[in-house]
C-alpha atoms as a PDB file:
ATOM      1  CA  MET A   1      10.970 -18.910 -11.727  1.00  0.00           C
ATOM      2  CA  LYS A   2       9.801 -20.238  -8.184  1.00  0.00           C
ATOM      3  CA  ILE A   3      11.851 -18.357  -5.251  1.00  0.00           C
ATOM      4  CA  SER A   4      12.988 -19.892  -2.420  1.00  0.00           C
ATOM      5  CA  GLU A   5      12.413 -19.115   1.066  1.00  0.00           C
ATOM      6  CA  LYS A   6      15.951 -17.766   1.718  1.00  0.00           C
ATOM      7  CA  GLU A   7      15.253 -14.996  -1.820  1.00  0.00           C
ATOM      8  CA  ARG A   8      11.786 -14.144  -0.221  1.00  0.00           C
ATOM      9  CA  LYS A   9      13.456 -13.873   3.056  1.00  0.00           C
ATOM     10  CA  SER A  10      16.046 -11.525   1.846  1.00  0.00           C
ATOM     11  CA  ILE A  11      13.717  -9.532   0.101  1.00  0.00           C
ATOM     12  CA  ILE A  12      11.384  -8.733   2.959  1.00  0.00           C
ATOM     13  CA  ALA A  13      14.669  -8.061   5.005  1.00  0.00           C
ATOM     14  CA  LYS A  14      15.669  -5.164   2.575  1.00  0.00           C
ATOM     15  CA  ALA A  15      12.663  -3.904   2.074  1.00  0.00           C
ATOM     16  CA  GLN A  16      12.168  -2.989   5.454  1.00  0.00           C
ATOM     17  CA  GLU A  17      15.105  -1.397   5.581  1.00  0.00           C
ATOM     18  CA  VAL A  18      15.080   1.027   2.312  1.00  0.00           C
ATOM     19  CA  SER A  19      14.590   4.995   2.366  1.00  0.00           C
ATOM     20  CA  GLY A  20      15.100   7.118  -0.905  1.00  0.00           C
ATOM     21  CA  THR A  21      13.489   7.291  -3.995  1.00  0.00           C
ATOM     22  CA  SER A  22      15.409   4.855  -5.893  1.00  0.00           C
ATOM     23  CA  PRO A  23      16.166   2.222  -3.451  1.00  0.00           C
ATOM     24  CA  ILE A  24      12.534   2.215  -2.639  1.00  0.00           C
ATOM     25  CA  SER A  25      11.222   2.047  -6.672  1.00  0.00           C
ATOM     26  CA  ALA A  26      14.139  -0.643  -7.099  1.00  0.00           C
ATOM     27  CA  SER A  27      12.564  -2.906  -4.087  1.00  0.00           C
ATOM     28  CA  ILE A  28       9.300  -2.090  -5.494  1.00  0.00           C
ATOM     29  CA  ASP A  29      10.741  -3.604  -8.803  1.00  0.00           C
ATOM     30  CA  GLN A  30      11.807  -6.534  -6.850  1.00  0.00           C
ATOM     31  CA  LEU A  31       8.444  -7.308  -5.284  1.00  0.00           C
ATOM     32  CA  ASN A  32       6.681  -6.849  -8.418  1.00  0.00           C
ATOM     33  CA  THR A  33       8.679  -9.654  -9.673  1.00  0.00           C
ATOM     34  CA  PHE A  34       8.255 -11.848  -6.945  1.00  0.00           C
ATOM     35  CA  LEU A  35       4.355 -11.311  -6.769  1.00  0.00           C
ATOM     36  CA  SER A  36       3.918 -12.418 -10.565  1.00  0.00           C
ATOM     37  CA  GLU A  37       5.065 -15.651  -9.212  1.00  0.00           C
ATOM     38  CA  ALA A  38       2.951 -15.677  -5.848  1.00  0.00           C
ATOM     39  CA  PRO A  39       0.791 -13.022  -6.367  1.00  0.00           C
ATOM     40  CA  GLU A  40      -1.403 -14.314  -3.507  1.00  0.00           C
ATOM     41  CA  ASP A  41       1.530 -13.709  -0.859  1.00  0.00           C
ATOM     42  CA  ILE A  42       0.051 -11.576   1.853  1.00  0.00           C
ATOM     43  CA  GLU A  43       3.383 -10.520   3.260  1.00  0.00           C
ATOM     44  CA  LEU A  44       5.022  -9.272   0.085  1.00  0.00           C
ATOM     45  CA  LEU A  45       1.496  -7.374  -0.699  1.00  0.00           C
ATOM     46  CA  HIS A  46       1.974  -5.832   2.595  1.00  0.00           C
ATOM     47  CA  ILE A  47       5.753  -4.959   2.326  1.00  0.00           C
ATOM     48  CA  ARG A  48       5.126  -3.312  -1.248  1.00  0.00           C
ATOM     49  CA  ALA A  49       1.974  -1.370   0.093  1.00  0.00           C
ATOM     50  CA  GLN A  50       4.229   0.218   2.873  1.00  0.00           C
ATOM     51  CA  LEU A  51       6.988   1.005   0.340  1.00  0.00           C
ATOM     52  CA  PHE A  52       3.909   2.619  -1.842  1.00  0.00           C
ATOM     53  CA  GLU A  53       3.049   4.468   1.508  1.00  0.00           C
ATOM     54  CA  LYS A  54       6.623   5.755   1.760  1.00  0.00           C
ATOM     55  CA  GLN A  55       6.415   7.357  -1.853  1.00  0.00           C
ATOM     56  CA  GLN A  56       2.782   8.705  -1.025  1.00  0.00           C
ATOM     57  CA  GLU A  57       1.451   6.481  -3.963  1.00  0.00           C
ATOM     58  CA  TRP A  58      -1.559   6.283  -1.785  1.00  0.00           C
ATOM     59  CA  ALA A  59      -3.904   4.721  -4.624  1.00  0.00           C
ATOM     60  CA  LYS A  60      -1.639   1.949  -4.890  1.00  0.00           C
ATOM     61  CA  ALA A  61      -1.024   1.155  -1.414  1.00  0.00           C
ATOM     62  CA  ILE A  62      -5.065   1.224  -1.120  1.00  0.00           C
ATOM     63  CA  ASN A  63      -5.077  -1.588  -3.951  1.00  0.00           C
ATOM     64  CA  ASP A  64      -2.479  -3.882  -2.190  1.00  0.00           C
ATOM     65  CA  TYR A  65      -4.504  -3.540   0.852  1.00  0.00           C
ATOM     66  CA  LEU A  66      -7.645  -3.983  -0.810  1.00  0.00           C
ATOM     67  CA  LYS A  67      -6.628  -7.283  -2.457  1.00  0.00           C
ATOM     68  CA  ILE A  68      -5.019  -8.144   0.763  1.00  0.00           C
ATOM     69  CA  HIS A  69      -8.526  -7.857   2.501  1.00  0.00           C
ATOM     70  CA  SER A  70      -9.945 -10.065   0.053  1.00  0.00           C
ATOM     71  CA  LEU A  71      -7.351 -12.625   0.575  1.00  0.00           C
ATOM     72  CA  ASP A  72      -7.787 -12.563   3.979  1.00  0.00           C
ATOM     73  CA  PRO A  73     -10.860 -10.699   5.403  1.00  0.00           C
ATOM     74  CA  SER A  74      -9.677 -11.102   8.870  1.00  0.00           C
ATOM     75  CA  ASP A  75      -6.495  -9.108   8.383  1.00  0.00           C
ATOM     76  CA  LYS A  76      -7.325  -5.973  10.673  1.00  0.00           C
ATOM     77  CA  LYS A  77      -3.586  -4.203   9.516  1.00  0.00           C
ATOM     78  CA  ALA A  78      -5.263  -4.015   5.727  1.00  0.00           C
ATOM     79  CA  LYS A  79      -8.048  -2.983   6.688  1.00  0.00           C
ATOM     80  CA  THR A  80      -6.926  -0.431   9.133  1.00  0.00           C
ATOM     81  CA  GLN A  81      -4.489   0.812   6.752  1.00  0.00           C
ATOM     82  CA  SER A  82      -6.671   0.773   3.596  1.00  0.00           C
ATOM     83  CA  ALA A  83      -9.381   3.292   6.018  1.00  0.00           C
ATOM     84  CA  MET A  84      -6.670   5.247   7.075  1.00  0.00           C
ATOM     85  CA  LEU A  85      -5.333   6.034   3.464  1.00  0.00           C
ATOM     86  CA  LYS A  86      -8.694   6.592   2.031  1.00  0.00           C
ATOM     87  CA  THR A  87      -9.137   9.507   5.108  1.00  0.00           C
ATOM     88  CA  ILE A  88      -5.930  10.920   3.736  1.00  0.00           C
ATOM     89  CA  LEU A  89      -6.762  10.965   0.277  1.00  0.00           C
ATOM     90  CA  ARG A  90     -10.613  12.390   1.146  1.00  0.00           C
ATOM     91  CA  TYR A  91      -8.763  15.307   3.303  1.00  0.00           C
ATOM     92  CA  ASN A  92      -6.184  16.088   0.787  1.00  0.00           C
ATOM     93  CA  ASN A  93      -8.271  16.324  -2.497  1.00  0.00           C
ATOM     94  CA  THR A  94     -11.353  18.396  -0.335  1.00  0.00           C
ATOM     95  CA  ASP A  95     -10.852  21.953  -0.888  1.00  0.00           C
ATOM     96  CA  ILE A  96     -14.018  23.334   1.034  1.00  0.00           C
ATOM     97  CA  TYR A  97     -14.027  26.743  -0.210  1.00  0.00           C
ATOM     98  CA  SER A  98     -13.819  26.395  -3.782  1.00  0.00           C
ATOM     99  CA  SER A  99     -16.411  23.101  -4.053  1.00  0.00           C
ATOM    100  CA  PRO A 100     -19.952  23.738  -5.159  1.00  0.00           C
ATOM    101  CA  ASN A 101     -21.126  20.938  -3.060  1.00  0.00           C
ATOM    102  CA  THR A 102     -22.737  23.119   0.302  1.00  0.00           C
ATOM    103  CA  HIS A 103     -24.143  20.234   1.806  1.00  0.00           C
ATOM    104  CA  TYR A 104     -20.706  18.387   1.978  1.00  0.00           C
ATOM    105  CA  ASP A 105     -18.760  19.393   4.957  1.00  0.00           C
ATOM    106  CA  PRO A 106     -15.355  17.263   5.324  1.00  0.00           C
ATOM    107  CA  TRP A 107     -14.852  18.606   9.053  1.00  0.00           C
ATOM    108  CA  PHE A 108     -18.064  17.085  10.541  1.00  0.00           C
ATOM    109  CA  GLU A 109     -18.123  13.751   8.604  1.00  0.00           C
END
C-alpha cells in the first residue's frame, strides 16, 4: 500500500494538531502504518517522536530521533531533541539521596 502525497500531508497536519491521549494514540497508529511502507521518511519520524514526547514516552521518542540521526547525521533537531530527552531521563531517574554511588553527583555534571 503506497501512500499518496495527499494522504501523507493529511496525516502530518492531523498529527500536528492532536491533543489528548486517544487522539495521540490514533495518530501514532496511523504514522506506524505509513512508516511501515516508508521507514526512512524523516518527516514522519519527527512527527511520531513529537507525539511520543506529548505522551511522555521518552525512550520511544529518543529511538525515533536516533533513527533520524542515523538517516541524516546533519539533522540538528534530532540531535538536540535526543540530547534533551536523555537529560530529562537522567534527572527523572536519579535519586541522589538513596544512590549508593557517592562519586556521581547529577547536579555537578
